[in-house]
Protein backbone atom coordinates (compact mmCIF):
# COMPACT_ATOMS: atom_id res chain seq x y z
CA MET A 1 -64.48 220.01 -25.43
CA THR A 2 -63.43 217.15 -27.69
CA VAL A 3 -60.01 215.46 -27.76
CA PRO A 4 -58.69 212.32 -29.47
CA HIS A 5 -57.57 210.67 -26.20
CA VAL A 6 -58.56 211.13 -22.57
CA ILE A 7 -56.29 209.41 -20.07
CA ILE A 8 -57.58 208.82 -16.54
CA GLY A 9 -54.77 208.72 -13.98
CA SER A 10 -51.11 209.76 -14.14
CA GLY A 11 -49.02 206.78 -13.01
CA ILE A 12 -46.02 205.59 -15.01
CA ASN A 13 -48.14 203.70 -17.56
CA ALA A 14 -50.41 206.69 -18.17
CA LEU A 15 -47.41 208.99 -18.55
CA VAL A 16 -45.69 206.66 -21.01
CA ALA A 17 -48.85 206.31 -23.12
CA ALA A 18 -49.44 210.06 -23.07
CA ALA A 19 -45.84 210.84 -24.05
CA LEU A 20 -45.80 208.38 -26.95
CA LEU A 21 -49.19 209.45 -28.31
CA SER A 22 -48.29 213.14 -27.96
CA ARG A 23 -45.05 212.57 -29.86
CA LYS A 24 -47.15 211.08 -32.63
CA GLY A 25 -49.00 214.38 -32.87
CA GLU A 26 -52.27 213.27 -31.29
CA LYS A 27 -53.92 215.47 -28.68
CA VAL A 28 -53.93 213.88 -25.24
CA LEU A 29 -55.78 215.15 -22.18
CA MET A 30 -54.62 213.58 -18.90
CA LEU A 31 -56.93 213.92 -15.89
CA GLU A 32 -55.57 213.18 -12.41
CA ARG A 33 -57.85 213.31 -9.35
CA SER A 34 -54.95 214.07 -6.98
CA GLU A 35 -53.16 217.38 -6.88
CA HIS A 36 -49.95 215.36 -7.35
CA LEU A 37 -48.94 214.13 -10.78
CA GLY A 38 -47.30 210.72 -11.04
CA GLY A 39 -49.31 208.20 -9.02
CA CYS A 40 -46.83 206.50 -6.68
CA MET A 41 -43.95 208.76 -7.75
CA ARG A 42 -43.83 211.67 -5.33
CA THR A 43 -41.12 213.36 -3.27
CA GLU A 44 -41.90 215.50 -0.24
CA GLU A 45 -40.38 216.89 2.95
CA ILE A 46 -42.53 214.73 5.22
CA THR A 47 -40.25 214.60 8.28
CA LEU A 48 -38.19 217.78 8.60
CA PRO A 49 -37.32 220.68 6.27
CA GLY A 50 -34.48 219.80 3.91
CA PHE A 51 -35.07 216.03 4.10
CA ARG A 52 -36.62 214.96 0.77
CA HIS A 53 -38.32 211.56 0.92
CA ASP A 54 -39.75 209.39 -1.85
CA VAL A 55 -43.08 208.76 -0.15
CA LEU A 56 -43.88 205.60 -2.14
CA ALA A 57 -41.83 204.35 -5.13
CA ALA A 58 -38.09 204.89 -4.92
CA THR A 59 -35.97 202.88 -7.39
CA PHE A 60 -36.24 202.77 -11.17
CA VAL A 61 -34.43 199.68 -12.45
CA LEU A 62 -37.57 198.50 -14.27
CA PHE A 63 -37.93 201.84 -16.01
CA LEU A 64 -34.29 202.13 -17.05
CA THR A 65 -34.40 198.65 -18.58
CA SER A 66 -37.76 199.18 -20.32
CA PRO A 67 -38.44 199.79 -24.02
CA ALA A 68 -40.33 202.93 -22.97
CA TYR A 69 -37.20 204.50 -21.49
CA ALA A 70 -35.10 203.37 -24.43
CA GLU A 71 -37.40 205.37 -26.69
CA LEU A 72 -37.96 208.39 -24.44
CA ALA A 73 -34.63 208.72 -22.59
CA GLU A 74 -33.14 211.46 -24.74
CA GLU A 75 -36.22 213.69 -24.59
CA LEU A 76 -36.81 213.10 -20.88
CA GLY A 77 -33.17 213.91 -20.24
CA ARG A 78 -33.57 217.15 -22.15
CA HIS A 79 -36.34 218.00 -19.69
CA GLY A 80 -34.09 217.41 -16.68
CA LEU A 81 -34.49 213.73 -15.86
CA ASP A 82 -31.34 212.04 -14.60
CA PHE A 83 -30.61 209.01 -12.43
CA CYS A 84 -28.10 208.33 -9.66
CA HIS A 85 -26.40 204.96 -9.24
CA THR A 86 -24.32 202.84 -6.89
CA GLN A 87 -22.21 199.78 -7.65
CA SER A 88 -23.90 197.93 -4.75
CA PRO A 89 -27.62 197.76 -5.56
CA THR A 90 -28.74 195.37 -2.81
CA ALA A 91 -27.70 193.42 0.27
CA VAL A 92 -29.11 191.39 3.11
CA LEU A 93 -28.29 191.82 6.80
CA ARG A 94 -29.28 189.03 9.16
CA PRO A 95 -29.93 189.47 12.91
CA ASP A 96 -26.61 187.83 13.81
CA GLY A 97 -24.67 190.29 11.66
CA GLN A 98 -24.05 188.01 8.69
CA SER A 99 -24.47 189.82 5.39
CA ALA A 100 -24.15 189.45 1.65
CA VAL A 101 -23.85 192.24 -0.91
CA LEU A 102 -24.65 192.12 -4.63
CA ASN A 103 -22.40 194.21 -6.85
CA MET A 104 -22.74 195.16 -10.50
CA ASP A 105 -19.85 192.85 -11.33
CA ARG A 106 -20.68 189.25 -12.06
CA ALA A 107 -17.18 187.91 -11.50
CA ALA A 108 -17.02 189.64 -8.11
CA ASN A 109 -20.42 188.23 -7.15
CA ILE A 110 -19.43 184.73 -8.16
CA ALA A 111 -16.29 184.96 -6.04
CA ALA A 112 -18.15 186.43 -3.05
CA PHE A 113 -20.89 183.81 -3.11
CA ASP A 114 -18.41 180.96 -3.52
CA ALA A 115 -16.62 182.27 -0.44
CA LEU A 116 -19.87 181.91 1.51
CA SER A 117 -20.52 178.39 0.24
CA ALA A 118 -18.62 176.43 -2.39
CA GLY A 119 -20.65 176.27 -5.59
CA ASP A 120 -22.97 179.17 -4.79
CA GLY A 121 -21.04 181.50 -7.08
CA LYS A 122 -21.24 179.03 -9.93
CA GLN A 123 -25.00 178.71 -9.30
CA HIS A 124 -25.40 182.49 -9.40
CA GLY A 125 -23.53 182.67 -12.68
CA SER A 126 -25.78 179.96 -14.09
CA ASP A 127 -28.95 181.68 -12.88
CA VAL A 128 -28.24 185.15 -14.23
CA GLY A 129 -26.53 183.73 -17.29
CA GLY A 130 -29.64 181.68 -18.04
CA VAL A 131 -31.82 184.79 -17.89
CA GLU A 132 -29.36 186.57 -20.17
CA ALA A 133 -29.40 183.71 -22.68
CA ASP A 134 -33.21 183.58 -22.71
CA ALA A 135 -33.65 187.37 -22.65
CA GLU A 136 -35.48 187.72 -25.98
CA PHE A 137 -38.09 185.10 -25.12
CA LEU A 138 -38.33 185.72 -21.39
CA PHE A 139 -38.67 189.49 -21.50
CA ALA A 140 -41.20 189.23 -24.31
CA LEU A 141 -43.35 187.06 -22.05
CA LEU A 142 -42.89 189.48 -19.18
CA GLY A 143 -43.47 192.67 -21.13
CA SER A 144 -44.92 192.34 -24.64
CA PRO A 145 -48.60 191.96 -25.59
CA LEU A 146 -49.35 188.27 -25.12
CA TRP A 147 -52.20 188.11 -27.64
CA SER A 148 -50.40 189.18 -30.80
CA GLY A 149 -48.98 187.84 -34.00
CA LYS A 150 -45.49 188.72 -32.76
CA MET A 151 -45.96 186.53 -29.69
CA ALA A 152 -47.36 183.67 -31.75
CA ARG A 153 -44.31 183.80 -34.02
CA LEU A 154 -41.98 183.95 -31.04
CA MET A 155 -43.64 180.91 -29.46
CA ALA A 156 -43.38 179.02 -32.74
CA LYS A 157 -39.71 179.94 -32.98
CA GLN A 158 -39.07 178.66 -29.47
CA ALA A 159 -40.95 175.42 -30.15
CA TRP A 160 -38.84 174.88 -33.27
CA LYS A 161 -35.62 175.72 -31.40
CA ARG A 162 -36.27 173.67 -28.26
CA GLY A 163 -38.77 171.08 -29.46
CA LEU A 164 -42.21 170.80 -27.90
CA ASN A 165 -40.93 168.81 -24.95
CA GLY A 166 -38.08 171.26 -24.47
CA LEU A 167 -40.52 174.18 -24.45
CA LYS A 168 -42.72 172.35 -21.96
CA THR A 169 -39.66 171.79 -19.78
CA TRP A 170 -38.73 175.48 -19.98
CA PHE A 171 -42.17 176.55 -18.76
CA GLY A 172 -42.10 173.91 -16.03
CA ASP A 173 -38.79 175.25 -14.74
CA ALA A 174 -40.13 178.81 -14.93
CA LEU A 175 -43.04 177.89 -12.62
CA GLN A 176 -40.69 176.81 -9.82
CA PRO A 177 -41.29 178.54 -6.45
CA ALA A 178 -38.46 180.60 -4.99
CA ARG A 179 -38.09 178.31 -1.98
CA ALA A 180 -37.28 175.37 -4.23
CA TRP A 181 -34.94 177.47 -6.37
CA LEU A 182 -32.99 178.79 -3.39
CA GLU A 183 -32.89 175.75 -1.11
CA HIS A 184 -31.89 173.38 -3.91
CA GLY A 185 -29.49 175.79 -5.60
CA TYR A 186 -27.61 177.56 -2.79
CA GLY A 187 -25.84 176.13 0.23
CA SER A 188 -25.40 179.43 2.04
CA GLU A 189 -28.42 180.53 4.06
CA THR A 190 -27.13 184.09 3.73
CA VAL A 191 -27.21 183.94 -0.07
CA GLN A 192 -30.69 182.43 0.18
CA ALA A 193 -31.62 185.34 2.45
CA LEU A 194 -30.28 187.82 -0.10
CA TRP A 195 -32.85 186.77 -2.71
CA ALA A 196 -35.84 185.50 -0.71
CA PRO A 197 -37.22 188.98 0.18
CA TRP A 198 -37.11 190.18 -3.40
CA VAL A 199 -40.04 188.00 -4.43
CA LEU A 200 -42.20 190.08 -2.06
CA HIS A 201 -41.57 193.05 -4.36
CA THR A 202 -43.32 191.19 -7.17
CA GLY A 203 -46.43 190.61 -5.05
CA LEU A 204 -45.49 186.96 -4.48
CA THR A 205 -44.09 184.87 -1.61
CA PRO A 206 -41.29 182.25 -1.52
CA GLU A 207 -43.93 179.55 -1.99
CA SER A 208 -45.72 181.17 -4.95
CA THR A 209 -45.68 179.58 -8.39
CA TYR A 210 -43.12 181.21 -10.72
CA SER A 211 -41.54 183.22 -7.87
CA GLY A 212 -38.24 181.42 -8.53
CA GLN A 213 -38.11 182.72 -12.08
CA MET A 214 -39.00 186.22 -10.92
CA GLY A 215 -36.18 185.99 -8.40
CA ARG A 216 -33.70 185.07 -11.13
CA VAL A 217 -34.95 187.94 -13.31
CA ILE A 218 -34.50 190.39 -10.43
CA ALA A 219 -30.99 189.09 -9.75
CA PHE A 220 -30.10 189.62 -13.40
CA ALA A 221 -31.66 193.10 -13.57
CA LEU A 222 -30.02 194.34 -10.36
CA GLU A 223 -26.63 193.05 -11.39
CA ALA A 224 -26.93 194.53 -14.88
CA ALA A 225 -28.67 197.85 -14.18
CA GLY A 226 -28.43 198.40 -10.42
CA ALA A 227 -31.05 200.10 -8.26
CA PRO A 228 -31.01 203.69 -9.57
CA VAL A 229 -32.92 206.57 -7.99
CA ALA A 230 -34.12 209.70 -9.76
CA LYS A 231 -31.90 212.72 -9.17
CA GLY A 232 -33.85 215.07 -6.92
CA GLY A 233 -36.43 212.43 -6.03
CA ALA A 234 -38.99 210.16 -7.65
CA GLY A 235 -41.17 213.20 -8.29
CA ALA A 236 -38.64 214.33 -10.90
CA VAL A 237 -39.89 211.58 -13.22
CA PRO A 238 -43.47 212.86 -13.65
CA ASP A 239 -42.10 216.41 -13.79
CA ALA A 240 -40.02 215.51 -16.84
CA PHE A 241 -42.93 213.66 -18.43
CA ARG A 242 -45.16 216.70 -17.90
CA LYS A 243 -42.72 218.93 -19.77
CA LEU A 244 -42.42 216.45 -22.62
CA ILE A 245 -46.16 215.88 -22.97
CA GLU A 246 -46.99 219.59 -22.85
CA GLU A 247 -44.18 220.37 -25.31
CA LYS A 248 -45.82 217.99 -27.77
CA GLY A 249 -49.25 219.60 -27.38
CA GLY A 250 -50.73 217.39 -24.67
CA GLU A 251 -52.61 218.77 -21.69
CA ILE A 252 -52.44 217.66 -18.07
CA ARG A 253 -54.92 218.64 -15.38
CA THR A 254 -54.50 217.66 -11.73
CA GLY A 255 -57.21 217.90 -9.09
CA VAL A 256 -59.81 216.70 -11.62
CA ASP A 257 -61.81 213.68 -10.53
CA VAL A 258 -63.34 211.63 -13.35
CA THR A 259 -66.53 210.10 -11.97
CA ARG A 260 -68.00 208.47 -15.06
CA ILE A 261 -66.98 207.12 -18.42
CA LEU A 262 -69.62 208.01 -20.99
CA VAL A 263 -70.80 205.06 -23.07
CA GLN A 264 -73.04 205.08 -26.14
CA GLY A 265 -73.86 202.06 -28.25
CA GLY A 266 -71.35 199.92 -26.40
CA LYS A 267 -68.50 202.35 -27.02
CA ALA A 268 -66.75 204.88 -24.81
CA VAL A 269 -67.34 208.40 -26.12
CA GLY A 270 -65.90 210.51 -23.31
CA VAL A 271 -65.84 211.18 -19.58
CA GLU A 272 -67.67 213.24 -16.98
CA THR A 273 -65.92 214.88 -14.02
CA ALA A 274 -67.04 215.53 -10.47
CA ALA A 275 -67.50 219.19 -11.47
CA GLY A 276 -70.04 218.12 -14.08
CA ASP A 277 -67.82 218.77 -17.11
CA LYS A 278 -68.29 216.40 -20.05
CA ILE A 279 -65.38 215.76 -22.37
CA ASP A 280 -65.84 213.93 -25.67
CA ALA A 281 -63.04 211.64 -26.82
CA ARG A 282 -62.27 209.18 -29.59
CA SER A 283 -60.71 206.86 -27.01
CA VAL A 284 -60.61 206.65 -23.23
CA ILE A 285 -57.54 205.17 -21.53
CA ALA A 286 -58.07 204.29 -17.86
CA SER A 287 -55.03 203.68 -15.67
CA VAL A 288 -57.09 202.30 -12.80
CA THR A 289 -57.91 199.08 -10.95
CA PRO A 290 -60.80 196.81 -11.97
CA THR A 291 -62.69 198.01 -8.89
CA GLN A 292 -62.41 201.64 -9.96
CA LEU A 293 -63.26 200.88 -13.56
CA HIS A 294 -66.27 198.62 -13.16
CA GLN A 295 -67.76 199.72 -9.85
CA ARG A 296 -67.13 203.46 -10.06
CA LEU A 297 -66.50 204.65 -13.61
CA LEU A 298 -68.74 202.15 -15.42
CA GLY A 299 -71.36 201.74 -12.72
CA ASP A 300 -74.23 201.51 -15.24
CA GLU A 301 -72.52 198.95 -17.47
CA PRO A 302 -72.49 195.19 -16.80
CA PRO A 303 -69.03 194.04 -15.61
CA PRO A 304 -67.10 191.23 -17.34
CA ALA A 305 -67.78 187.67 -16.25
CA HIS A 306 -66.32 186.85 -12.81
CA ALA A 307 -65.13 190.43 -12.22
CA GLU A 308 -66.30 190.07 -8.62
CA ARG A 309 -63.62 187.41 -8.10
CA TYR A 310 -60.75 189.83 -8.59
CA ARG A 311 -58.54 189.76 -5.51
CA TYR A 312 -56.15 192.25 -4.00
CA GLY A 313 -52.93 191.24 -2.29
CA ARG A 314 -51.08 192.20 0.86
CA GLY A 315 -50.71 195.83 1.81
CA ASN A 316 -47.52 197.84 2.12
CA PHE A 317 -46.34 199.82 5.13
CA GLN A 318 -43.97 202.74 4.53
CA LEU A 319 -41.68 204.29 7.13
CA HIS A 320 -39.34 207.25 6.67
CA TYR A 321 -36.60 208.64 8.90
CA ALA A 322 -34.59 211.83 9.05
CA LEU A 323 -31.22 211.11 10.65
CA ASP A 324 -28.60 213.37 12.19
CA ALA A 325 -25.70 211.33 10.78
CA GLU A 326 -24.93 208.25 8.70
CA PRO A 327 -26.24 204.93 10.08
CA GLU A 328 -23.60 202.58 11.47
CA TRP A 329 -24.66 199.10 10.35
CA ILE A 330 -23.64 196.15 12.49
CA ALA A 331 -21.89 194.67 9.43
CA GLY A 332 -19.34 196.40 7.24
CA GLY A 333 -19.63 197.18 3.56
CA LEU A 334 -23.25 198.36 3.60
CA GLU A 335 -22.63 202.11 3.53
CA ASP A 336 -23.32 202.58 -0.19
CA VAL A 337 -25.87 199.82 -0.75
CA ALA A 338 -29.10 201.15 -2.29
CA LEU A 339 -31.54 198.63 -0.76
CA ILE A 340 -30.81 196.45 2.27
CA HIS A 341 -33.20 193.72 3.41
CA LEU A 342 -33.29 192.94 7.11
CA THR A 343 -34.35 189.31 7.50
CA ASP A 344 -33.01 185.99 8.74
CA GLY A 345 -33.80 184.10 5.55
CA ILE A 346 -36.40 182.16 3.61
CA ASP A 347 -38.32 180.91 6.63
CA ALA A 348 -38.46 184.40 8.13
CA VAL A 349 -39.71 185.91 4.85
CA SER A 350 -42.24 183.10 4.47
CA LYS A 351 -43.47 183.55 8.05
CA SER A 352 -43.96 187.31 7.82
CA SER A 353 -45.71 187.21 4.44
CA ASN A 354 -47.94 184.32 5.52
CA GLU A 355 -48.95 186.16 8.68
CA ALA A 356 -49.84 189.23 6.62
CA GLU A 357 -51.85 187.19 4.14
CA ARG A 358 -53.82 185.76 7.07
CA GLY A 359 -54.60 189.27 8.28
CA LEU A 360 -52.05 189.38 11.11
CA LEU A 361 -49.52 192.04 11.94
CA PRO A 362 -46.25 190.13 11.37
CA GLU A 363 -44.29 189.37 14.51
CA THR A 364 -41.01 190.10 12.69
CA PRO A 365 -41.80 191.91 9.44
CA THR A 366 -39.40 191.83 6.51
CA LEU A 367 -37.78 195.24 6.08
CA CYS A 368 -36.45 196.77 2.88
CA VAL A 369 -34.27 199.74 3.84
CA GLY A 370 -33.23 202.30 1.24
CA GLN A 371 -30.42 204.84 1.58
CA PRO A 372 -31.23 207.20 -1.30
CA HIS A 373 -29.04 210.01 0.04
CA ARG A 374 -25.98 207.82 -0.57
CA LEU A 375 -26.79 207.84 -4.29
CA ASP A 376 -28.22 211.37 -4.43
CA PRO A 377 -26.80 213.75 -1.78
CA SER A 378 -29.49 216.34 -2.56
CA ARG A 379 -31.97 214.29 -0.53
CA ALA A 380 -30.65 215.46 2.88
CA PRO A 381 -28.68 218.39 4.35
CA ASP A 382 -24.89 218.01 4.51
CA GLY A 383 -23.85 215.46 7.10
CA LYS A 384 -27.41 214.19 7.56
CA ALA A 385 -29.16 211.08 6.19
CA ILE A 386 -32.55 209.60 5.40
CA LEU A 387 -33.94 206.09 5.41
CA TRP A 388 -36.71 204.85 3.10
CA ILE A 389 -38.27 201.72 4.56
CA GLN A 390 -40.83 199.49 2.89
CA ILE A 391 -42.55 196.61 4.64
CA PRO A 392 -44.12 194.55 1.82
CA ASP A 393 -46.08 192.23 4.14
CA ALA A 394 -48.72 194.24 5.99
CA PRO A 395 -52.35 193.07 6.18
CA ARG A 396 -54.99 195.09 4.34
CA VAL A 397 -57.60 194.18 6.95
CA ILE A 398 -56.30 193.36 10.43
CA LYS A 399 -57.46 190.17 12.14
CA GLY A 400 -54.93 190.19 14.95
CA ASP A 401 -51.30 190.47 15.99
CA ALA A 402 -49.03 187.50 15.34
CA ALA A 403 -46.92 188.49 18.33
CA GLY A 404 -49.95 188.65 20.61
CA GLN A 405 -48.82 192.03 21.96
CA LEU A 406 -51.07 194.62 20.30
CA GLU A 407 -54.79 195.07 20.68
CA THR A 408 -56.23 195.37 17.19
CA GLY A 409 -59.44 195.94 15.33
CA PRO A 410 -60.00 195.43 11.59
CA ASP A 411 -58.93 198.97 10.67
CA TRP A 412 -55.55 200.65 10.56
CA THR A 413 -55.89 203.36 13.19
CA GLU A 414 -53.22 205.89 14.06
CA THR A 415 -52.56 203.99 17.30
CA ILE A 416 -52.00 200.67 15.52
CA ARG A 417 -49.91 202.34 12.83
CA GLU A 418 -47.53 203.89 15.34
CA ALA A 419 -47.36 200.73 17.45
CA PHE A 420 -46.41 198.72 14.35
CA ALA A 421 -43.87 201.41 13.46
CA ASP A 422 -42.39 200.96 16.95
CA ARG A 423 -41.98 197.25 16.20
CA ILE A 424 -40.15 198.09 12.98
CA GLU A 425 -37.99 200.65 14.76
CA ALA A 426 -36.92 198.04 17.29
CA ILE A 427 -35.59 195.94 14.40
CA LEU A 428 -33.66 198.94 13.09
CA GLN A 429 -32.15 199.49 16.52
CA ARG A 430 -30.76 195.95 16.48
CA HIS A 431 -29.16 196.41 13.04
CA ILE A 432 -27.92 200.01 13.27
CA GLY A 433 -25.56 200.57 16.19
CA ASN A 434 -26.03 204.33 16.50
CA PHE A 435 -29.72 204.50 15.62
CA ASP A 436 -30.97 205.97 18.90
CA ARG A 437 -28.33 208.72 18.77
CA ILE A 438 -29.02 209.84 15.20
CA LYS A 439 -32.81 209.55 14.94
CA LEU A 440 -34.37 212.96 14.38
CA ALA A 441 -37.91 212.29 13.10
CA ARG A 442 -40.04 209.60 11.50
CA ARG A 443 -43.18 209.41 9.39
CA ALA A 444 -45.23 206.22 8.99
CA TYR A 445 -47.85 205.32 6.37
CA SER A 446 -50.16 202.37 6.99
CA PRO A 447 -51.88 200.51 4.14
CA ALA A 448 -54.95 202.65 4.82
CA ASP A 449 -52.85 205.82 4.53
CA LEU A 450 -51.46 204.63 1.19
CA ASN A 451 -54.97 203.95 -0.08
CA GLN A 452 -55.90 207.48 0.97
CA LEU A 453 -52.95 208.89 -0.96
CA ASN A 454 -53.78 206.91 -4.11
CA ILE A 455 -57.19 205.45 -4.84
CA ASN A 456 -55.60 202.66 -6.91
CA LEU A 457 -53.70 201.29 -3.88
CA VAL A 458 -56.66 199.26 -2.72
CA GLY A 459 -56.12 198.41 0.93
CA GLY A 460 -52.52 199.53 0.49
CA ASP A 461 -51.81 196.91 -2.20
CA PRO A 462 -49.17 198.53 -4.46
CA TYR A 463 -49.38 195.80 -7.09
CA GLY A 464 -52.87 196.44 -8.42
CA GLY A 465 -54.16 193.08 -7.22
CA SER A 466 -52.88 189.64 -6.35
CA CYS A 467 -50.06 188.56 -8.67
CA ASN A 468 -50.60 184.83 -8.25
CA ILE A 469 -50.60 182.87 -11.49
CA ASP A 470 -54.41 182.87 -11.91
CA GLN A 471 -54.36 186.67 -12.04
CA PHE A 472 -51.23 187.19 -14.10
CA PHE A 473 -49.96 186.97 -17.68
CA VAL A 474 -52.87 186.21 -20.04
CA TRP A 475 -55.25 186.04 -17.07
CA ARG A 476 -54.68 189.60 -15.87
CA PRO A 477 -56.97 191.08 -14.76
CA PHE A 478 -59.59 188.51 -15.82
CA THR A 479 -59.41 185.07 -17.37
CA ARG A 480 -60.95 186.34 -20.62
CA SER A 481 -58.83 189.51 -20.84
CA VAL A 482 -57.06 190.30 -24.11
CA ASN A 483 -54.22 192.79 -23.71
CA SER A 484 -55.63 196.23 -22.73
CA ALA A 485 -59.06 195.72 -24.29
CA THR A 486 -62.24 195.94 -22.22
CA THR A 487 -65.83 194.91 -22.88
CA ILE A 488 -66.50 198.52 -23.96
CA GLY A 489 -65.32 199.66 -27.37
CA ASN A 490 -62.71 202.47 -27.47
CA LEU A 491 -62.04 201.96 -23.74
CA HIS A 492 -58.60 200.71 -22.82
CA MET A 493 -57.37 199.67 -19.38
CA ILE A 494 -53.72 200.03 -18.41
CA GLY A 495 -51.78 200.06 -15.14
CA ALA A 496 -50.63 197.55 -12.53
CA SER A 497 -53.85 195.54 -12.79
CA THR A 498 -53.15 194.68 -16.44
CA HIS A 499 -50.36 192.78 -18.21
CA PRO A 500 -47.40 193.06 -17.73
CA GLY A 501 -48.38 193.88 -14.15
CA PRO A 502 -46.98 196.18 -11.46
CA GLY A 503 -43.72 198.07 -11.31
CA LEU A 504 -42.27 201.20 -12.86
CA GLY A 505 -41.58 199.76 -16.32
CA GLY A 506 -44.52 201.47 -18.02
CA GLY A 507 -45.17 198.30 -20.02
CA SER A 508 -48.93 198.41 -20.40
CA GLY A 509 -48.89 202.08 -21.39
CA TYR A 510 -46.11 201.42 -23.88
CA ASN A 511 -47.83 198.39 -25.41
CA LEU A 512 -51.12 200.25 -25.82
CA ALA A 513 -49.56 203.34 -27.38
CA LYS A 514 -47.58 201.18 -29.81
CA GLY A 515 -50.75 199.27 -30.68
CA MET A 516 -52.39 202.62 -31.45
CA GLY A 517 -49.63 203.50 -33.88
CA ALA A 518 -47.34 205.63 -31.72
C-alpha cells in the first residue's frame, strides 16, 4: 500500500502529529509495535480488580498548557477526553513531619511561604512572576523550532529590547543550577525541599546547568495549571486521539513492529514490518530514540557524526499500591494534594540522584507519590484508594547498593526489584501512619521492566536520553541536529529525544506537523 505519511510509534508526539495532519486531510498510517496505543500513557488494573492505575505517565500539566491542546481540545473533548483537577497540585513532606503545600493561588502561596521564612513568599512571587513576564520568549525557547525565521526574529526583538549585554545576562541567569537558585533565594529548607525534587522530573539534578530555570518554570506551570489527571486514566488520552485520527481518515495499527525504514537515493520511501509487509510513503515520521532509529531502523545507513556519543540518563522505578482506605499522612493538609514528594531537601535529592547516576541503588530514594483517586474517584472502588509512586533516580545498570545492604549484580532481577520496593515501602510507612493497616497489594516496575514495556525507555530512562545542556535545545539529539530533520530526506524524527525534549506536551509532533502545513 501507499500512504502520504507513515508514523512509527504512538506516544504523545506521534499522536499530536497524526491528529494535525489528519485534520489537514492527509492520510496518516500509524504503526505501533505494542498492543497498547499511547506509549507511556496506559491505565490498567495491575494490582486488584477495580483499582485502575496509570502504569507510567500520570499528570498532564504540560499537555494542557501546550499549543497542541489549545488547537485540539474541542475535538478531543468531543471524543470523551476530560481532565480532573485539585487546587493543591504539589507538596513536600519531610521525615520530621514538616511540610509545604503549593496551591493554585499566588497570594496564598506567598503568604504561606512567608510564614515559613520571612521573604520566601516575596521570592516566590518574583520567581513565578518573572516566568510570567518572560513567557513569550521563554516558552518559545522551550517549545518552538529553534532553527527558524520566527526564532531569529524573536531573538532580534529580545536583543533590541534588552540590549546585547542584557540578553547575555538573561541567558546567564537561565543557566543557574537549582541548588544556587534555592539556597540563595529561600531561607526555609522546607520551601527548598518543595522545589528541589521537581528538577528530577526534567531529567536533571539540583547541580545541573539550567535546572534552576526549569524549577521556576515548573513552579509557574503548577501554580497556573495544576497537576491534572485524565478522567478515567491516562489511557483515555490515546483513546480520544484514536477516535479523532480515525474520524479524519487516518489509520492506526497496533501490534505492528516496523523493522526497517526503506531508503532509496538518500530519501525515505517507506517502511518494512516484521511480517514482511512493505508500505510506501511520501514521508516517514519516527517517534523513536536515536538508538532505535540508527541502529535498528536504519541499520544499513551511516549514522550522523558522533551518534555513538548519545547518552541515556537515570532510570525510573514505578510502584503502585491498592489501599483499603485513605492514607493518613503524618502532616495535615495533604489529603487532596496531587503529587507529594517525600524527601528531606536539596542535599537528600542530590545524594539520591548522584548515587543513581553512579550506578548505585539509592540509600534513601526520592519519592514522588500521586493520589489520583482524590482527583478522579473512578480510579478505585468506593472507600478505597490507590498510590502512584515514581522514583526518578534509579540506576539503569546496577553497580552496587549505596546502603551496603543488598547483594546486587548489573541487572535488575525480580529479587532486586522487590528488595528495592521494600526499601521504598519502609519510607512510606514512616510518612503514612496507617499504611500497614490499609495496604492491600502492590506492583513494582524496575527500569528493566519499563524498558520491556516500551522499547523507547532505554534502560528505564523516561526522558529519551540525558537532558544535560550538551544534549538539549539546539544540540538535541546531536550537535548538528536541525529541528526534526535527519540525514535522510523525507525522514523526520520526533519524540523525547528531540527538541523540545521529554514530557507530555507533544511539542516535537506539533512543530513538525505545523512545518508540514497542518
